[in-house]
Amino acid sequence: MNSEPAPVPAPARRSTVFRNWLSLTGLVVVIGSLFSFFFLLLLDALAQFANPYVGILTYLVAPAFLVIGLLVAFLGAFLRHRQILKTSGPLPPLRIDLTRPRDRRLFGFFLAGGVLFLLISALGSYQTYHFTESVNFCGQACHGVMKPEYVT
């Protein structure tokens, strides 16, 4: 006789509606915007003099990308939810199995795209910060009334 108890099967994991590529892409945008926000906040804190345009970038532009990323993530969740309702049952969860060549390739593209996006966000934030301090920005883009001073 076998005295060991029968193994209890593990409960099935519920698939979350955020486990899809569109939602993950939106979350990468959210991470990038948070990174840009904190990077610009740090630049502003360490600057020698105050620049009012950094506030525009820090408190308007970066949060706008945060909202866009959240909207994309929730759009992916909404579409995934509709797909679940359409099939009248839970869909299998998004499984990233790195032993499969297709998943390795997709994960590599996603990871490289995310790192590239963060790098471009950092460089773009830094260059935008420096452009707002230039004479061209003040004389042409922002202050039309300063045209005589800009010309001189």
N, C-alpha and C. Protein backbone atom coordinates (compact mmCIF):
# COMPACT_ATOMS: atom_id res chain seq x y z
N MET A 1 0.83 -1.18 0.00
CA MET A 1 0.00 0.00 0.00
C MET A 1 0.87 1.24 0.00
N ASN A 2 0.40 2.25 -0.70
CA ASN A 2 1.10 3.52 -0.80
C ASN A 2 0.54 4.46 0.25
N SER A 3 1.39 4.92 1.17
CA SER A 3 0.92 5.77 2.26
C SER A 3 1.04 7.27 1.94
N GLU A 4 1.60 7.59 0.78
CA GLU A 4 1.73 9.00 0.43
C GLU A 4 0.40 9.55 -0.09
N PRO A 5 0.07 10.77 0.31
CA PRO A 5 -1.17 11.35 -0.18
C PRO A 5 -1.03 11.73 -1.66
N ALA A 6 -2.15 11.73 -2.32
CA ALA A 6 -2.15 12.09 -3.75
C ALA A 6 -1.79 13.57 -3.89
N PRO A 7 -0.99 13.91 -4.90
CA PRO A 7 -0.61 15.32 -5.06
C PRO A 7 -1.83 16.16 -5.44
N VAL A 8 -1.87 17.31 -4.84
CA VAL A 8 -2.97 18.23 -5.11
C VAL A 8 -2.60 19.08 -6.32
N PRO A 9 -3.45 19.11 -7.35
CA PRO A 9 -3.09 19.92 -8.51
C PRO A 9 -3.10 21.41 -8.16
N ALA A 10 -2.16 22.12 -8.77
CA ALA A 10 -2.07 23.57 -8.54
C ALA A 10 -3.27 24.25 -9.17
N PRO A 11 -3.81 25.26 -8.49
CA PRO A 11 -4.95 25.97 -9.07
C PRO A 11 -4.52 26.70 -10.35
N ALA A 12 -5.43 26.74 -11.29
CA ALA A 12 -5.14 27.43 -12.56
C ALA A 12 -5.00 28.92 -12.31
N ARG A 13 -3.95 29.50 -12.88
CA ARG A 13 -3.73 30.93 -12.72
C ARG A 13 -4.65 31.68 -13.65
N ARG A 14 -5.24 32.72 -13.12
CA ARG A 14 -6.09 33.58 -13.95
C ARG A 14 -5.21 34.46 -14.79
N SER A 15 -5.59 34.60 -16.03
CA SER A 15 -4.84 35.47 -16.93
C SER A 15 -5.29 36.91 -16.70
N THR A 16 -4.35 37.78 -16.51
CA THR A 16 -4.69 39.18 -16.34
C THR A 16 -4.87 39.83 -17.71
N VAL A 17 -5.71 40.82 -17.77
CA VAL A 17 -5.98 41.46 -19.05
C VAL A 17 -4.82 42.34 -19.50
N PHE A 18 -3.86 42.59 -18.63
CA PHE A 18 -2.71 43.41 -19.00
C PHE A 18 -1.58 42.59 -19.60
N ARG A 19 -1.75 41.30 -19.71
CA ARG A 19 -0.70 40.46 -20.29
C ARG A 19 -0.92 40.33 -21.80
N ASN A 20 -0.62 41.41 -22.49
CA ASN A 20 -0.65 41.42 -23.95
C ASN A 20 0.38 42.44 -24.42
N TRP A 21 0.74 42.35 -25.69
CA TRP A 21 1.83 43.18 -26.19
C TRP A 21 1.47 44.66 -26.21
N LEU A 22 0.23 45.00 -26.47
CA LEU A 22 -0.15 46.41 -26.51
C LEU A 22 -0.05 47.04 -25.12
N SER A 23 -0.53 46.33 -24.12
CA SER A 23 -0.43 46.84 -22.74
C SER A 23 1.02 46.93 -22.28
N LEU A 24 1.83 45.95 -22.65
CA LEU A 24 3.24 45.99 -22.27
C LEU A 24 3.95 47.16 -22.95
N THR A 25 3.59 47.46 -24.19
CA THR A 25 4.16 48.61 -24.88
C THR A 25 3.76 49.91 -24.19
N GLY A 26 2.50 50.01 -23.79
CA GLY A 26 2.05 51.18 -23.05
C GLY A 26 2.80 51.33 -21.74
N LEU A 27 3.09 50.23 -21.09
CA LEU A 27 3.84 50.30 -19.83
C LEU A 27 5.28 50.73 -20.05
N VAL A 28 5.87 50.37 -21.21
CA VAL A 28 7.21 50.85 -21.54
C VAL A 28 7.19 52.38 -21.72
N VAL A 29 6.14 52.90 -22.36
CA VAL A 29 6.01 54.34 -22.52
C VAL A 29 5.85 55.01 -21.15
N VAL A 30 5.10 54.39 -20.27
CA VAL A 30 4.94 54.93 -18.91
C VAL A 30 6.29 54.97 -18.19
N ILE A 31 7.05 53.91 -18.30
CA ILE A 31 8.37 53.88 -17.65
C ILE A 31 9.28 54.94 -18.25
N GLY A 32 9.23 55.09 -19.58
CA GLY A 32 10.04 56.12 -20.23
C GLY A 32 9.66 57.52 -19.80
N SER A 33 8.37 57.77 -19.67
CA SER A 33 7.95 59.11 -19.26
C SER A 33 8.32 59.37 -17.80
N LEU A 34 8.21 58.38 -16.95
CA LEU A 34 8.65 58.55 -15.56
C LEU A 34 10.15 58.80 -15.49
N PHE A 35 10.89 58.07 -16.32
CA PHE A 35 12.34 58.28 -16.38
C PHE A 35 12.65 59.70 -16.82
N SER A 36 11.98 60.18 -17.86
CA SER A 36 12.20 61.55 -18.34
C SER A 36 11.80 62.58 -17.29
N PHE A 37 10.70 62.32 -16.61
CA PHE A 37 10.25 63.24 -15.57
C PHE A 37 11.30 63.39 -14.48
N PHE A 38 11.79 62.27 -13.96
CA PHE A 38 12.77 62.34 -12.87
C PHE A 38 14.11 62.87 -13.36
N PHE A 39 14.47 62.57 -14.62
CA PHE A 39 15.71 63.10 -15.19
C PHE A 39 15.63 64.63 -15.32
N LEU A 40 14.51 65.13 -15.83
CA LEU A 40 14.34 66.59 -15.95
C LEU A 40 14.25 67.25 -14.58
N LEU A 41 13.62 66.58 -13.64
CA LEU A 41 13.54 67.11 -12.28
C LEU A 41 14.94 67.23 -11.67
N LEU A 42 15.78 66.24 -11.90
CA LEU A 42 17.16 66.26 -11.42
C LEU A 42 17.95 67.37 -12.12
N LEU A 43 17.79 67.51 -13.43
CA LEU A 43 18.48 68.58 -14.15
C LEU A 43 18.07 69.95 -13.63
N ASP A 44 16.80 70.11 -13.37
CA ASP A 44 16.32 71.39 -12.86
C ASP A 44 16.87 71.67 -11.46
N ALA A 45 16.95 70.64 -10.64
CA ALA A 45 17.45 70.83 -9.28
C ALA A 45 18.95 71.14 -9.26
N LEU A 46 19.69 70.60 -10.21
CA LEU A 46 21.14 70.81 -10.23
C LEU A 46 21.58 71.97 -11.11
N ALA A 47 20.64 72.64 -11.76
CA ALA A 47 20.98 73.75 -12.66
C ALA A 47 21.53 74.93 -11.88
N GLN A 48 22.41 75.68 -12.53
CA GLN A 48 23.01 76.85 -11.90
C GLN A 48 21.99 77.97 -11.72
N PHE A 49 21.06 78.11 -12.69
CA PHE A 49 20.03 79.13 -12.61
C PHE A 49 18.70 78.52 -13.05
N ALA A 50 17.63 79.17 -12.63
CA ALA A 50 16.30 78.64 -12.91
C ALA A 50 15.93 78.85 -14.38
N ASN A 51 15.29 77.85 -14.97
CA ASN A 51 14.82 77.92 -16.34
C ASN A 51 13.33 77.59 -16.33
N PRO A 52 12.46 78.55 -16.64
CA PRO A 52 11.03 78.29 -16.54
C PRO A 52 10.52 77.26 -17.55
N TYR A 53 11.26 77.07 -18.65
CA TYR A 53 10.80 76.14 -19.67
C TYR A 53 11.00 74.68 -19.27
N VAL A 54 11.93 74.45 -18.36
CA VAL A 54 12.11 73.10 -17.86
C VAL A 54 10.86 72.66 -17.10
N GLY A 55 10.21 73.61 -16.44
CA GLY A 55 8.95 73.30 -15.76
C GLY A 55 7.89 72.83 -16.75
N ILE A 56 7.87 73.45 -17.93
CA ILE A 56 6.91 73.02 -18.96
C ILE A 56 7.19 71.59 -19.36
N LEU A 57 8.47 71.29 -19.60
CA LEU A 57 8.84 69.93 -20.00
C LEU A 57 8.58 68.93 -18.87
N THR A 58 8.96 69.33 -17.66
CA THR A 58 8.86 68.41 -16.53
C THR A 58 7.42 68.16 -16.10
N TYR A 59 6.63 69.23 -16.05
CA TYR A 59 5.30 69.10 -15.46
C TYR A 59 4.16 69.05 -16.47
N LEU A 60 4.46 69.23 -17.77
CA LEU A 60 3.41 69.13 -18.78
C LEU A 60 3.71 68.05 -19.83
N VAL A 61 4.90 68.08 -20.41
CA VAL A 61 5.21 67.16 -21.51
C VAL A 61 5.41 65.72 -20.99
N ALA A 62 6.25 65.55 -19.99
CA ALA A 62 6.49 64.20 -19.46
C ALA A 62 5.20 63.57 -18.92
N PRO A 63 4.37 64.29 -18.15
CA PRO A 63 3.11 63.69 -17.72
C PRO A 63 2.15 63.40 -18.89
N ALA A 64 2.24 64.19 -19.96
CA ALA A 64 1.39 63.90 -21.13
C ALA A 64 1.75 62.53 -21.70
N PHE A 65 3.04 62.24 -21.78
CA PHE A 65 3.45 60.92 -22.26
C PHE A 65 3.06 59.83 -21.27
N LEU A 66 3.07 60.14 -20.00
CA LEU A 66 2.61 59.19 -18.99
C LEU A 66 1.14 58.83 -19.23
N VAL A 67 0.33 59.84 -19.48
CA VAL A 67 -1.09 59.60 -19.74
C VAL A 67 -1.28 58.81 -21.03
N ILE A 68 -0.52 59.15 -22.07
CA ILE A 68 -0.62 58.41 -23.33
C ILE A 68 -0.25 56.94 -23.12
N GLY A 69 0.83 56.69 -22.38
CA GLY A 69 1.23 55.31 -22.10
C GLY A 69 0.17 54.55 -21.31
N LEU A 70 -0.43 55.22 -20.33
CA LEU A 70 -1.50 54.57 -19.56
C LEU A 70 -2.71 54.28 -20.44
N LEU A 71 -3.04 55.21 -21.34
CA LEU A 71 -4.17 54.97 -22.25
C LEU A 71 -3.90 53.79 -23.16
N VAL A 72 -2.67 53.67 -23.67
CA VAL A 72 -2.33 52.53 -24.53
C VAL A 72 -2.40 51.23 -23.73
N ALA A 73 -1.91 51.25 -22.49
CA ALA A 73 -1.96 50.05 -21.64
C ALA A 73 -3.41 49.64 -21.36
N PHE A 74 -4.25 50.61 -21.06
CA PHE A 74 -5.65 50.28 -20.78
C PHE A 74 -6.41 49.91 -22.05
N LEU A 75 -6.01 50.45 -23.20
CA LEU A 75 -6.61 50.03 -24.46
C LEU A 75 -6.29 48.57 -24.73
N GLY A 76 -5.05 48.18 -24.49
CA GLY A 76 -4.68 46.77 -24.64
C GLY A 76 -5.46 45.88 -23.69
N ALA A 77 -5.66 46.34 -22.46
CA ALA A 77 -6.44 45.56 -21.48
C ALA A 77 -7.90 45.47 -21.92
N PHE A 78 -8.44 46.56 -22.44
CA PHE A 78 -9.83 46.56 -22.91
C PHE A 78 -10.00 45.59 -24.08
N LEU A 79 -9.08 45.64 -25.03
CA LEU A 79 -9.17 44.73 -26.18
C LEU A 79 -9.01 43.28 -25.75
N ARG A 80 -8.12 43.03 -24.79
CA ARG A 80 -7.93 41.67 -24.27
C ARG A 80 -9.20 41.20 -23.56
N HIS A 81 -9.84 42.10 -22.80
CA HIS A 81 -11.08 41.75 -22.10
C HIS A 81 -12.18 41.40 -23.11
N ARG A 82 -12.28 42.19 -24.17
CA ARG A 82 -13.28 41.90 -25.21
C ARG A 82 -13.00 40.56 -25.87
N GLN A 83 -11.72 40.25 -26.07
CA GLN A 83 -11.36 38.97 -26.67
C GLN A 83 -11.76 37.82 -25.75
N ILE A 84 -11.58 38.00 -24.46
CA ILE A 84 -11.97 36.96 -23.49
C ILE A 84 -13.48 36.76 -23.51
N LEU A 85 -14.24 37.86 -23.54
CA LEU A 85 -15.69 37.76 -23.57
C LEU A 85 -16.18 37.11 -24.86
N LYS A 86 -15.51 37.40 -25.95
CA LYS A 86 -15.92 36.86 -27.25
C LYS A 86 -15.75 35.34 -27.30
N THR A 87 -14.70 34.85 -26.67
CA THR A 87 -14.46 33.40 -26.70
C THR A 87 -15.22 32.68 -25.59
N SER A 88 -15.95 33.44 -24.78
CA SER A 88 -16.77 32.91 -23.68
C SER A 88 -15.98 32.03 -22.72
N GLY A 89 -14.79 32.40 -22.49
CA GLY A 89 -13.98 31.68 -21.52
C GLY A 89 -12.62 32.34 -21.43
N PRO A 90 -11.88 32.02 -20.40
CA PRO A 90 -10.58 32.66 -20.26
C PRO A 90 -9.62 32.19 -21.35
N LEU A 91 -8.89 33.12 -21.89
CA LEU A 91 -7.86 32.80 -22.86
C LEU A 91 -6.62 32.34 -22.13
N PRO A 92 -5.79 31.58 -22.78
CA PRO A 92 -4.55 31.20 -22.10
C PRO A 92 -3.71 32.44 -21.82
N PRO A 93 -2.99 32.45 -20.71
CA PRO A 93 -2.20 33.63 -20.37
C PRO A 93 -1.06 33.82 -21.36
N LEU A 94 -0.57 35.04 -21.42
CA LEU A 94 0.58 35.34 -22.25
C LEU A 94 1.77 34.63 -21.63
N ARG A 95 2.31 33.69 -22.36
CA ARG A 95 3.45 32.93 -21.86
C ARG A 95 4.67 33.29 -22.69
N ILE A 96 5.68 33.72 -22.02
CA ILE A 96 6.95 33.99 -22.68
C ILE A 96 7.88 32.86 -22.30
N ASP A 97 8.04 31.94 -23.23
CA ASP A 97 8.88 30.78 -23.02
C ASP A 97 10.15 30.98 -23.84
N LEU A 98 11.24 31.30 -23.19
CA LEU A 98 12.47 31.65 -23.89
C LEU A 98 13.17 30.44 -24.51
N THR A 99 12.58 29.26 -24.36
CA THR A 99 13.14 28.11 -25.05
C THR A 99 12.62 28.04 -26.49
N ARG A 100 11.54 28.75 -26.76
CA ARG A 100 11.00 28.79 -28.13
C ARG A 100 11.68 29.92 -28.90
N PRO A 101 12.18 29.65 -30.10
CA PRO A 101 12.88 30.68 -30.87
C PRO A 101 12.02 31.91 -31.16
N ARG A 102 10.73 31.72 -31.44
CA ARG A 102 9.85 32.85 -31.74
C ARG A 102 9.73 33.77 -30.53
N ASP A 103 9.56 33.20 -29.35
CA ASP A 103 9.45 34.01 -28.13
C ASP A 103 10.76 34.72 -27.81
N ARG A 104 11.90 34.04 -28.04
CA ARG A 104 13.18 34.70 -27.82
C ARG A 104 13.36 35.89 -28.74
N ARG A 105 12.97 35.72 -30.00
CA ARG A 105 13.10 36.80 -30.97
C ARG A 105 12.18 37.97 -30.60
N LEU A 106 10.91 37.69 -30.28
CA LEU A 106 9.98 38.74 -29.90
C LEU A 106 10.41 39.45 -28.62
N PHE A 107 10.87 38.69 -27.66
CA PHE A 107 11.33 39.28 -26.41
C PHE A 107 12.57 40.14 -26.64
N GLY A 108 13.46 39.68 -27.51
CA GLY A 108 14.64 40.46 -27.85
C GLY A 108 14.27 41.79 -28.51
N PHE A 109 13.32 41.75 -29.46
CA PHE A 109 12.86 42.98 -30.10
C PHE A 109 12.19 43.91 -29.09
N PHE A 110 11.38 43.35 -28.22
CA PHE A 110 10.69 44.15 -27.20
C PHE A 110 11.70 44.77 -26.24
N LEU A 111 12.66 44.00 -25.79
CA LEU A 111 13.67 44.50 -24.87
C LEU A 111 14.55 45.56 -25.54
N ALA A 112 14.98 45.30 -26.77
CA ALA A 112 15.81 46.28 -27.49
C ALA A 112 15.01 47.55 -27.76
N GLY A 113 13.74 47.42 -28.11
CA GLY A 113 12.90 48.59 -28.34
C GLY A 113 12.70 49.39 -27.06
N GLY A 114 12.52 48.71 -25.95
CA GLY A 114 12.36 49.40 -24.68
C GLY A 114 13.61 50.15 -24.27
N VAL A 115 14.78 49.52 -24.42
CA VAL A 115 16.04 50.18 -24.08
C VAL A 115 16.29 51.35 -25.02
N LEU A 116 16.01 51.16 -26.31
CA LEU A 116 16.18 52.24 -27.28
C LEU A 116 15.25 53.41 -26.96
N PHE A 117 14.01 53.09 -26.57
CA PHE A 117 13.06 54.14 -26.21
C PHE A 117 13.54 54.92 -24.99
N LEU A 118 14.07 54.23 -23.99
CA LEU A 118 14.58 54.92 -22.80
C LEU A 118 15.80 55.78 -23.15
N LEU A 119 16.67 55.28 -24.02
CA LEU A 119 17.84 56.04 -24.43
C LEU A 119 17.42 57.30 -25.19
N ILE A 120 16.50 57.14 -26.13
CA ILE A 120 16.01 58.29 -26.89
C ILE A 120 15.30 59.28 -25.98
N SER A 121 14.55 58.77 -25.01
CA SER A 121 13.88 59.66 -24.05
C SER A 121 14.89 60.47 -23.25
N ALA A 122 15.95 59.83 -22.80
CA ALA A 122 16.97 60.54 -22.02
C ALA A 122 17.68 61.57 -22.88
N LEU A 123 18.09 61.18 -24.08
CA LEU A 123 18.78 62.13 -24.96
C LEU A 123 17.85 63.27 -25.37
N GLY A 124 16.62 62.94 -25.70
CA GLY A 124 15.66 63.97 -26.09
C GLY A 124 15.37 64.94 -24.96
N SER A 125 15.23 64.43 -23.77
CA SER A 125 14.99 65.30 -22.61
C SER A 125 16.17 66.23 -22.38
N TYR A 126 17.37 65.69 -22.47
CA TYR A 126 18.56 66.49 -22.24
C TYR A 126 18.72 67.57 -23.32
N GLN A 127 18.53 67.19 -24.58
CA GLN A 127 18.67 68.15 -25.67
C GLN A 127 17.57 69.22 -25.60
N THR A 128 16.38 68.82 -25.25
CA THR A 128 15.29 69.78 -25.12
C THR A 128 15.57 70.76 -23.99
N TYR A 129 16.12 70.25 -22.91
CA TYR A 129 16.50 71.10 -21.78
C TYR A 129 17.50 72.17 -22.23
N HIS A 130 18.50 71.75 -22.99
CA HIS A 130 19.50 72.71 -23.44
C HIS A 130 18.94 73.67 -24.50
N PHE A 131 18.04 73.23 -25.32
CA PHE A 131 17.46 74.11 -26.33
C PHE A 131 16.64 75.22 -25.69
N THR A 132 15.97 74.91 -24.59
CA THR A 132 15.17 75.94 -23.92
C THR A 132 16.04 77.05 -23.32
N GLU A 133 17.32 76.80 -23.15
CA GLU A 133 18.23 77.82 -22.63
C GLU A 133 18.88 78.64 -23.74
N SER A 134 18.62 78.31 -25.00
CA SER A 134 19.31 78.99 -26.09
C SER A 134 18.64 80.31 -26.44
N VAL A 135 19.41 81.17 -27.11
CA VAL A 135 18.90 82.46 -27.56
C VAL A 135 17.86 82.25 -28.66
N ASN A 136 18.07 81.27 -29.52
CA ASN A 136 17.10 81.00 -30.59
C ASN A 136 15.72 80.68 -30.03
N PHE A 137 15.68 79.88 -29.00
CA PHE A 137 14.39 79.53 -28.41
C PHE A 137 13.68 80.75 -27.85
N CYS A 138 14.41 81.54 -27.10
CA CYS A 138 13.79 82.73 -26.49
C CYS A 138 13.38 83.76 -27.53
N GLY A 139 14.23 83.99 -28.53
CA GLY A 139 13.95 85.05 -29.50
C GLY A 139 12.99 84.67 -30.60
N GLN A 140 12.92 83.40 -30.96
CA GLN A 140 12.07 82.98 -32.07
C GLN A 140 10.85 82.20 -31.63
N ALA A 141 11.04 81.27 -30.76
CA ALA A 141 9.94 80.37 -30.42
C ALA A 141 9.02 80.93 -29.34
N CYS A 142 9.54 81.71 -28.46
CA CYS A 142 8.73 82.07 -27.31
C CYS A 142 8.36 83.55 -27.26
N HIS A 143 9.34 84.39 -27.28
CA HIS A 143 9.08 85.81 -27.05
C HIS A 143 9.13 86.61 -28.35
N GLY A 144 8.00 86.77 -29.00
CA GLY A 144 7.94 87.57 -30.21
C GLY A 144 8.17 89.05 -29.93
N VAL A 145 7.84 89.48 -28.75
CA VAL A 145 8.03 90.89 -28.39
C VAL A 145 9.50 91.21 -28.18
N MET A 146 10.34 90.21 -28.09
CA MET A 146 11.76 90.44 -27.87
C MET A 146 12.54 90.47 -29.18
N LYS A 147 11.85 90.63 -30.32
CA LYS A 147 12.50 90.60 -31.62
C LYS A 147 13.64 91.62 -31.73
N PRO A 148 13.47 92.88 -31.30
CA PRO A 148 14.61 93.81 -31.42
C PRO A 148 15.84 93.34 -30.62
N GLU A 149 15.62 92.80 -29.43
CA GLU A 149 16.73 92.32 -28.63
C GLU A 149 17.36 91.09 -29.26
N TYR A 150 16.53 90.24 -29.87
CA TYR A 150 17.04 89.03 -30.51
C TYR A 150 17.92 89.40 -31.71
N VAL A 151 17.48 90.39 -32.50
CA VAL A 151 18.23 90.80 -33.68
C VAL A 151 19.59 91.35 -33.28
N THR A 152 19.64 92.13 -32.22
CA THR A 152 20.93 92.67 -31.78
C THR A 152 21.75 91.57 -31.16
